[in-house]
Amino acid sequence: MAFFCVTMLDMALVLAEKDPVYEDMASKYFEHFILIVDAINSSGQGRGLWDDEDGFYYDYIRKPDGSSMPLKVRK
């Protein structure tokens, strides 16, 4: 999703050179990118989704007891 936001931001900036109405869209895509990056780096009980040991981002599964564990699945 972060890559999608950056791509859309780039397109909006190119379009804004010709039509200023796209400046608001560029601003919104930048805001969304920042929110996504913040969520990736601070979710999972404040530790983020990054695993230093594996050098990879993992999703987390929330257990019924409220704790969570990383979903270490990749191909």
C-alpha atoms as a PDB file:
ATOM      1  CA  MET A   1       0.000   0.000   0.000  1.00  0.00           C
ATOM      2  CA  ALA A   2       2.903   2.351   0.730  1.00  0.00           C
ATOM      3  CA  PHE A   3       4.281   1.760  -2.764  1.00  0.00           C
ATOM      4  CA  PHE A   4       0.827   2.438  -4.225  1.00  0.00           C
ATOM      5  CA  CYS A   5       0.662   5.765  -2.346  1.00  0.00           C
ATOM      6  CA  VAL A   6       4.106   6.808  -3.558  1.00  0.00           C
ATOM      7  CA  THR A   7       3.172   5.921  -7.145  1.00  0.00           C
ATOM      8  CA  MET A   8      -0.079   7.874  -6.912  1.00  0.00           C
ATOM      9  CA  LEU A   9       1.781  10.776  -5.282  1.00  0.00           C
ATOM     10  CA  ASP A  10       4.208  10.838  -8.205  1.00  0.00           C
ATOM     11  CA  MET A  11       1.354  10.863 -10.721  1.00  0.00           C
ATOM     12  CA  ALA A  12      -0.487  13.597  -8.846  1.00  0.00           C
ATOM     13  CA  LEU A  13       2.661  15.756  -8.769  1.00  0.00           C
ATOM     14  CA  VAL A  14       3.135  15.348 -12.516  1.00  0.00           C
ATOM     15  CA  LEU A  15      -0.512  16.252 -13.132  1.00  0.00           C
ATOM     16  CA  ALA A  16      -0.271  19.204 -10.705  1.00  0.00           C
ATOM     17  CA  GLU A  17       2.366  20.786 -12.941  1.00  0.00           C
ATOM     18  CA  LYS A  18      -0.391  21.351 -15.527  1.00  0.00           C
ATOM     19  CA  ASP A  19      -3.449  21.627 -13.294  1.00  0.00           C
ATOM     20  CA  PRO A  20      -3.171  22.850  -9.677  1.00  0.00           C
ATOM     21  CA  VAL A  21      -6.327  20.952  -8.672  1.00  0.00           C
ATOM     22  CA  TYR A  22      -4.116  17.843  -8.299  1.00  0.00           C
ATOM     23  CA  GLU A  23      -2.013  19.457  -5.559  1.00  0.00           C
ATOM     24  CA  ASP A  24      -4.610  18.450  -2.951  1.00  0.00           C
ATOM     25  CA  MET A  25      -4.492  14.867  -4.194  1.00  0.00           C
ATOM     26  CA  ALA A  26      -0.694  14.842  -3.956  1.00  0.00           C
ATOM     27  CA  SER A  27      -0.920  16.107  -0.404  1.00  0.00           C
ATOM     28  CA  LYS A  28      -3.465  13.416   0.515  1.00  0.00           C
ATOM     29  CA  TYR A  29      -1.333  10.600  -0.962  1.00  0.00           C
ATOM     30  CA  PHE A  30       1.683  11.887   0.961  1.00  0.00           C
ATOM     31  CA  GLU A  31      -0.350  11.890   4.188  1.00  0.00           C
ATOM     32  CA  HIS A  32      -1.538   8.335   3.515  1.00  0.00           C
ATOM     33  CA  PHE A  33       2.037   7.207   2.862  1.00  0.00           C
ATOM     34  CA  ILE A  34       3.173   8.659   6.199  1.00  0.00           C
ATOM     35  CA  LEU A  35       0.269   6.978   8.030  1.00  0.00           C
ATOM     36  CA  ILE A  36       1.069   3.600   6.453  1.00  0.00           C
ATOM     37  CA  VAL A  37       4.772   3.870   7.326  1.00  0.00           C
ATOM     38  CA  ASP A  38       3.885   4.852  10.884  1.00  0.00           C
ATOM     39  CA  ALA A  39       1.539   1.870  11.199  1.00  0.00           C
ATOM     40  CA  ILE A  40       4.192  -0.518   9.891  1.00  0.00           C
ATOM     41  CA  ASN A  41       6.815   0.780  12.294  1.00  0.00           C
ATOM     42  CA  SER A  42       4.687   1.039  15.430  1.00  0.00           C
ATOM     43  CA  SER A  43       2.049  -1.702  15.248  1.00  0.00           C
ATOM     44  CA  GLY A  44       2.400  -5.063  16.947  1.00  0.00           C
ATOM     45  CA  GLN A  45       2.368  -3.784  20.517  1.00  0.00           C
ATOM     46  CA  GLY A  46       4.756  -0.945  19.673  1.00  0.00           C
ATOM     47  CA  ARG A  47       7.491  -3.096  18.206  1.00  0.00           C
ATOM     48  CA  GLY A  48       6.553  -2.681  14.550  1.00  0.00           C
ATOM     49  CA  LEU A  49       6.317  -5.350  11.892  1.00  0.00           C
ATOM     50  CA  TRP A  50      10.072  -5.563  11.189  1.00  0.00           C
ATOM     51  CA  ASP A  51      11.945  -8.653  12.380  1.00  0.00           C
ATOM     52  CA  ASP A  52      15.667  -7.879  12.855  1.00  0.00           C
ATOM     53  CA  GLU A  53      16.583 -11.543  13.002  1.00  0.00           C
ATOM     54  CA  ASP A  54      15.023 -12.395   9.622  1.00  0.00           C
ATOM     55  CA  GLY A  55      15.370  -8.957   8.021  1.00  0.00           C
ATOM     56  CA  PHE A  56      11.743  -9.051   6.913  1.00  0.00           C
ATOM     57  CA  TYR A  57       8.341  -7.510   7.724  1.00  0.00           C
ATOM     58  CA  TYR A  58       5.717  -9.892   9.169  1.00  0.00           C
ATOM     59  CA  ASP A  59       2.047  -9.475   9.974  1.00  0.00           C
ATOM     60  CA  TYR A  60       0.830 -10.256  13.478  1.00  0.00           C
ATOM     61  CA  ILE A  61      -2.050 -12.469  14.556  1.00  0.00           C
ATOM     62  CA  ARG A  62      -3.988 -11.416  17.635  1.00  0.00           C
ATOM     63  CA  LYS A  63      -4.791 -14.330  19.943  1.00  0.00           C
ATOM     64  CA  PRO A  64      -8.063 -14.603  21.904  1.00  0.00           C
ATOM     65  CA  ASP A  65      -6.196 -13.772  25.132  1.00  0.00           C
ATOM     66  CA  GLY A  66      -5.182 -10.382  23.683  1.00  0.00           C
ATOM     67  CA  SER A  67      -1.553 -11.199  22.994  1.00  0.00           C
ATOM     68  CA  SER A  68      -0.168 -11.352  19.486  1.00  0.00           C
ATOM     69  CA  MET A  69       2.408 -13.358  17.592  1.00  0.00           C
ATOM     70  CA  PRO A  70       4.144 -12.790  14.255  1.00  0.00           C
ATOM     71  CA  LEU A  71       2.797 -14.634  11.233  1.00  0.00           C
ATOM     72  CA  LYS A  72       6.114 -15.786   9.762  1.00  0.00           C
ATOM     73  CA  VAL A  73       4.960 -16.956   6.359  1.00  0.00           C
ATOM     74  CA  ARG A  74       6.815 -16.139   3.180  1.00  0.00           C
ATOM     75  CA  LYS A  75       7.637 -17.863  -0.035  1.00  0.00           C
END
